[in-house]
């Protein structure tokens, strides 16, 4: 048994990947919904970049699926 098995680093890495992906999905989905409702954070300026938010949401979804697949395969 090596240190990777002892500490469960493979599972920990998969869980961290899943968490980052899920945070990207939820954060960008929240931003898109809030923009659709006409709300924006107080004290901010600039325009909302919908294309960027959708792109990051799709990347987050891909990372989330990767994390889930890693946990299932482990």
C-alpha atoms as a PDB file:
ATOM      1  CA  UNK A   1       0.000   0.000   0.000  1.00  0.00           C
ATOM      2  CA  UNK A   2       1.418   3.371  -0.960  1.00  0.00           C
ATOM      3  CA  UNK A   3       0.652   6.850   0.357  1.00  0.00           C
ATOM      4  CA  UNK A   4      -1.851   7.599  -2.433  1.00  0.00           C
ATOM      5  CA  UNK A   5      -4.039   4.698  -1.382  1.00  0.00           C
ATOM      6  CA  UNK A   6      -3.593   5.443   2.301  1.00  0.00           C
ATOM      7  CA  UNK A   7      -4.732   9.056   2.008  1.00  0.00           C
ATOM      8  CA  UNK A   8      -7.324   8.426  -0.717  1.00  0.00           C
ATOM      9  CA  UNK A   9      -5.864  11.080  -2.991  1.00  0.00           C
ATOM     10  CA  UNK A  10      -7.500   9.669  -6.123  1.00  0.00           C
ATOM     11  CA  UNK A  11     -10.965  10.073  -4.638  1.00  0.00           C
ATOM     12  CA  UNK A  12     -10.076  13.455  -3.170  1.00  0.00           C
ATOM     13  CA  UNK A  13      -8.923  14.750  -6.549  1.00  0.00           C
ATOM     14  CA  UNK A  14     -12.117  13.522  -8.222  1.00  0.00           C
ATOM     15  CA  UNK A  15     -14.210  15.207  -5.521  1.00  0.00           C
ATOM     16  CA  UNK A  16     -12.319  18.468  -5.953  1.00  0.00           C
ATOM     17  CA  UNK A  17     -12.828  18.358  -9.725  1.00  0.00           C
ATOM     18  CA  UNK A  18     -16.531  17.720  -9.167  1.00  0.00           C
ATOM     19  CA  UNK A  19     -16.759  20.633  -6.716  1.00  0.00           C
ATOM     20  CA  UNK A  20     -15.050  23.097  -9.064  1.00  0.00           C
ATOM     21  CA  UNK A  21     -17.259  22.054 -11.977  1.00  0.00           C
ATOM     22  CA  UNK A  22     -20.440  22.264  -9.921  1.00  0.00           C
ATOM     23  CA  UNK A  23     -19.454  25.704  -8.629  1.00  0.00           C
ATOM     24  CA  UNK A  24     -18.908  26.901 -12.199  1.00  0.00           C
ATOM     25  CA  UNK A  25     -22.287  25.568 -13.295  1.00  0.00           C
ATOM     26  CA  UNK A  26     -24.207  26.993 -10.350  1.00  0.00           C
ATOM     27  CA  UNK A  27     -22.443  30.354 -10.349  1.00  0.00           C
ATOM     28  CA  UNK A  28     -22.889  31.016 -14.044  1.00  0.00           C
ATOM     29  CA  UNK A  29     -26.462  29.731 -14.061  1.00  0.00           C
ATOM     30  CA  UNK A  30     -27.241  32.109 -11.188  1.00  0.00           C
ATOM     31  CA  UNK A  31     -25.656  35.021 -13.082  1.00  0.00           C
ATOM     32  CA  UNK A  32     -27.658  34.214 -16.221  1.00  0.00           C
ATOM     33  CA  UNK A  33     -30.930  33.973 -14.283  1.00  0.00           C
ATOM     34  CA  UNK A  34     -30.276  37.201 -12.385  1.00  0.00           C
ATOM     35  CA  UNK A  35     -29.463  39.012 -15.626  1.00  0.00           C
ATOM     36  CA  UNK A  36     -32.687  37.723 -17.184  1.00  0.00           C
ATOM     37  CA  UNK A  37     -34.589  39.143 -14.196  1.00  0.00           C
ATOM     38  CA  UNK A  38     -32.914  42.523 -14.685  1.00  0.00           C
ATOM     39  CA  UNK A  39     -30.904  42.409 -11.469  1.00  0.00           C
ATOM     40  CA  UNK A  40     -27.213  43.174 -11.118  1.00  0.00           C
ATOM     41  CA  UNK A  41     -24.775  43.410  -8.210  1.00  0.00           C
ATOM     42  CA  UNK A  42     -24.713  46.765  -6.423  1.00  0.00           C
ATOM     43  CA  UNK A  43     -21.788  49.005  -7.227  1.00  0.00           C
ATOM     44  CA  UNK A  44     -20.854  47.300 -10.481  1.00  0.00           C
ATOM     45  CA  UNK A  45     -20.450  48.779 -13.906  1.00  0.00           C
ATOM     46  CA  UNK A  46     -20.052  47.289 -17.330  1.00  0.00           C
ATOM     47  CA  UNK A  47     -22.213  45.041 -19.394  1.00  0.00           C
ATOM     48  CA  UNK A  48     -23.203  41.448 -18.847  1.00  0.00           C
ATOM     49  CA  UNK A  49     -21.429  39.077 -21.223  1.00  0.00           C
ATOM     50  CA  UNK A  50     -23.986  36.365 -21.881  1.00  0.00           C
ATOM     51  CA  UNK A  51     -21.752  34.436 -24.278  1.00  0.00           C
ATOM     52  CA  UNK A  52     -18.999  34.233 -21.696  1.00  0.00           C
ATOM     53  CA  UNK A  53     -21.411  33.067 -19.002  1.00  0.00           C
ATOM     54  CA  UNK A  54     -22.852  30.357 -21.256  1.00  0.00           C
ATOM     55  CA  UNK A  55     -19.339  29.260 -22.278  1.00  0.00           C
ATOM     56  CA  UNK A  56     -18.191  28.973 -18.667  1.00  0.00           C
ATOM     57  CA  UNK A  57     -21.393  27.139 -17.751  1.00  0.00           C
ATOM     58  CA  UNK A  58     -20.744  24.571 -20.484  1.00  0.00           C
ATOM     59  CA  UNK A  59     -17.112  24.161 -19.424  1.00  0.00           C
ATOM     60  CA  UNK A  60     -18.283  23.708 -15.829  1.00  0.00           C
ATOM     61  CA  UNK A  61     -20.753  21.081 -16.974  1.00  0.00           C
ATOM     62  CA  UNK A  62     -17.975  19.203 -18.759  1.00  0.00           C
ATOM     63  CA  UNK A  63     -15.761  19.357 -15.657  1.00  0.00           C
ATOM     64  CA  UNK A  64     -18.675  18.198 -13.483  1.00  0.00           C
ATOM     65  CA  UNK A  65     -19.290  15.208 -15.730  1.00  0.00           C
ATOM     66  CA  UNK A  66     -15.587  14.411 -15.623  1.00  0.00           C
ATOM     67  CA  UNK A  67     -15.644  14.466 -11.805  1.00  0.00           C
ATOM     68  CA  UNK A  68     -18.726  12.238 -11.634  1.00  0.00           C
ATOM     69  CA  UNK A  69     -17.214   9.779 -14.120  1.00  0.00           C
ATOM     70  CA  UNK A  70     -13.983   9.708 -12.107  1.00  0.00           C
ATOM     71  CA  UNK A  71     -15.853   8.932  -8.906  1.00  0.00           C
ATOM     72  CA  UNK A  72     -17.908   6.192 -10.566  1.00  0.00           C
ATOM     73  CA  UNK A  73     -14.852   4.597 -12.172  1.00  0.00           C
ATOM     74  CA  UNK A  74     -12.870   4.626  -8.931  1.00  0.00           C
END
